[in-house]
Amino acid sequence: MSDTTHVLNDTISLLKAGEDFYRNAAENVDDPSLKNLFSENAAIRNAAITEMSQKVERLDEDPSGASWTEQARQGYANAESMFNGTDSLVDYLEEHEDRTLEQIREALKEADDREAVKILTRHLLIFQQTHDRMKAVKDTRTS
């Protein structure tokens, strides 16, 4: 497996976990604006997963599923959010946005394929926007 395939698969894994968590959050929150934001962020992740998976397939490799670590974090956050409510959910999602940006930046350092770098760069800009929106939601809820 090439460095590019490895970093794309790691990114796909994180995005799949995030997509699932955002969809779950959208289904379980009462606030219509949060429901809409969470659904939109899930859809953005789905689009990135699709594009990155197609690139991995063009490299004649198989796209991966969510890593055990991210699945465990998601399970913990699911349980935590049931007991602690929307603020805890927003906190977790904002932390996930931080991890997403960190993962994409690391992937950009390691990717050795020009097309993959373009894909990752484009999605870094998109995920910076989703991060900034979630941070604004978190900051608004804590003020």
Protein backbone atom coordinates (compact mmCIF):
# COMPACT_ATOMS: atom_id res chain seq x y z
CA MET A 1 0.00 0.00 0.00
CA SER A 2 1.43 3.37 -1.03
CA ASP A 3 1.77 6.34 1.32
CA THR A 4 -1.00 8.06 -0.60
CA THR A 5 -3.37 5.12 -0.24
CA HIS A 6 -2.56 4.82 3.45
CA VAL A 7 -3.22 8.49 4.25
CA LEU A 8 -6.36 8.59 2.11
CA ASN A 9 -7.70 5.49 3.86
CA ASP A 10 -6.93 7.00 7.27
CA THR A 11 -8.78 10.16 6.23
CA ILE A 12 -11.71 8.15 4.84
CA SER A 13 -11.95 6.25 8.14
CA LEU A 14 -12.15 9.44 10.16
CA LEU A 15 -14.67 10.99 7.77
CA LYS A 16 -16.90 7.88 7.84
CA ALA A 17 -17.04 7.99 11.62
CA GLY A 18 -17.79 11.71 11.50
CA GLU A 19 -20.51 11.25 8.90
CA ASP A 20 -22.20 8.59 11.04
CA PHE A 21 -21.96 10.74 14.13
CA TYR A 22 -23.34 13.84 12.38
CA ARG A 23 -26.26 11.81 10.98
CA ASN A 24 -26.99 10.38 14.42
CA ALA A 25 -26.77 13.85 15.95
CA ALA A 26 -29.15 15.28 13.32
CA GLU A 27 -31.70 12.59 14.15
CA ASN A 28 -31.48 13.16 17.89
CA VAL A 29 -31.36 16.94 18.29
CA ASP A 30 -34.50 19.06 18.60
CA ASP A 31 -33.12 22.42 17.41
CA PRO A 32 -33.98 22.78 13.68
CA SER A 33 -30.91 24.90 12.90
CA LEU A 34 -28.60 22.31 14.51
CA LYS A 35 -30.45 19.49 12.75
CA ASN A 36 -29.85 21.26 9.42
CA LEU A 37 -26.18 21.99 10.18
CA PHE A 38 -25.50 18.41 11.30
CA SER A 39 -27.20 17.00 8.18
CA GLU A 40 -25.20 19.34 5.95
CA ASN A 41 -21.92 18.38 7.64
CA ALA A 42 -22.75 14.68 7.18
CA ALA A 43 -23.42 15.28 3.47
CA ILE A 44 -20.12 17.17 3.09
CA ARG A 45 -18.29 14.22 4.63
CA ASN A 46 -20.11 11.80 2.35
CA ALA A 47 -19.00 13.76 -0.73
CA ALA A 48 -15.38 13.77 0.48
CA ILE A 49 -15.51 10.04 1.26
CA THR A 50 -16.82 9.33 -2.24
CA GLU A 51 -14.12 11.39 -3.95
CA MET A 52 -11.28 10.00 -1.83
CA SER A 53 -12.55 6.41 -2.20
CA GLN A 54 -12.66 6.80 -5.97
CA LYS A 55 -9.05 8.02 -5.92
CA VAL A 56 -7.99 5.01 -3.83
CA GLU A 57 -9.74 2.72 -6.32
CA ARG A 58 -7.92 4.44 -9.22
CA LEU A 59 -4.69 3.55 -7.40
CA ASP A 60 -5.88 -0.09 -7.58
CA GLU A 61 -6.37 -0.29 -3.83
CA ASP A 62 -9.39 -0.80 -1.57
CA PRO A 63 -10.88 2.07 0.45
CA SER A 64 -10.98 1.26 4.16
CA GLY A 65 -13.69 1.32 6.80
CA ALA A 66 -13.70 3.25 10.06
CA SER A 67 -10.81 2.48 12.36
CA TRP A 68 -11.39 0.78 15.68
CA THR A 69 -10.15 3.84 17.57
CA GLU A 70 -12.57 6.21 15.86
CA GLN A 71 -15.45 3.73 16.29
CA ALA A 72 -14.68 3.53 20.01
CA ARG A 73 -14.61 7.32 20.30
CA GLN A 74 -17.91 7.53 18.45
CA GLY A 75 -19.51 4.92 20.71
CA TYR A 76 -18.33 6.79 23.78
CA ALA A 77 -19.58 10.09 22.42
CA ASN A 78 -22.94 8.55 21.52
CA ALA A 79 -23.36 7.31 25.08
CA GLU A 80 -22.09 10.56 26.55
CA SER A 81 -24.42 12.69 24.45
CA MET A 82 -27.45 10.70 25.58
CA PHE A 83 -26.70 11.63 29.16
CA ASN A 84 -25.28 15.12 28.79
CA GLY A 85 -27.40 16.65 26.02
CA THR A 86 -26.79 18.99 23.14
CA ASP A 87 -23.82 20.90 24.60
CA SER A 88 -21.83 17.70 24.94
CA LEU A 89 -22.80 16.72 21.42
CA VAL A 90 -21.66 20.07 20.03
CA ASP A 91 -18.38 19.80 21.98
CA TYR A 92 -17.67 16.36 20.53
CA LEU A 93 -18.51 17.44 16.99
CA GLU A 94 -16.25 20.49 17.26
CA GLU A 95 -13.44 18.21 18.51
CA HIS A 96 -14.10 15.93 15.54
CA GLU A 97 -13.70 18.96 13.26
CA ASP A 98 -10.29 19.60 14.88
CA ARG A 99 -9.27 15.96 14.27
CA THR A 100 -10.47 16.18 10.67
CA LEU A 101 -8.33 19.24 9.93
CA GLU A 102 -5.34 17.64 11.65
CA GLN A 103 -5.77 14.42 9.66
CA ILE A 104 -6.04 16.21 6.32
CA ARG A 105 -2.96 18.34 7.08
CA GLU A 106 -0.99 15.20 7.95
CA ALA A 107 -2.26 13.48 4.81
CA LEU A 108 -1.06 16.43 2.71
CA LYS A 109 2.44 16.06 4.18
CA GLU A 110 2.58 12.35 3.33
CA ALA A 111 0.68 12.06 0.04
CA ASP A 112 2.94 11.41 -2.93
CA ASP A 113 0.32 11.66 -5.68
CA ARG A 114 -0.48 14.99 -7.35
CA GLU A 115 -4.20 14.27 -7.81
CA ALA A 116 -4.54 13.16 -4.18
CA VAL A 117 -2.86 16.38 -3.03
CA LYS A 118 -5.37 18.41 -5.07
CA ILE A 119 -8.28 16.46 -3.59
CA LEU A 120 -6.96 16.85 -0.04
CA THR A 121 -6.24 20.56 -0.52
CA ARG A 122 -9.76 21.22 -1.80
CA HIS A 123 -11.29 19.34 1.11
CA LEU A 124 -9.03 21.08 3.63
CA LEU A 125 -10.65 24.37 2.60
CA ILE A 126 -14.13 22.87 2.86
CA PHE A 127 -13.47 21.32 6.26
CA GLN A 128 -11.96 24.56 7.54
CA GLN A 129 -15.38 26.08 6.89
CA THR A 130 -17.26 23.26 8.65
CA HIS A 131 -14.83 23.59 11.56
CA ASP A 132 -15.37 27.34 11.79
CA ARG A 133 -19.16 26.90 11.79
CA MET A 134 -19.05 24.26 14.54
CA LYS A 135 -16.66 26.41 16.58
CA ALA A 136 -19.08 29.35 16.24
CA VAL A 137 -21.96 27.13 17.38
CA LYS A 138 -19.92 25.93 20.35
CA ASP A 139 -18.85 29.46 21.28
CA THR A 140 -22.44 30.73 21.03
CA ARG A 141 -23.71 27.94 23.28
CA THR A 142 -21.06 28.59 25.94
CA SER A 143 -21.51 32.39 26.05
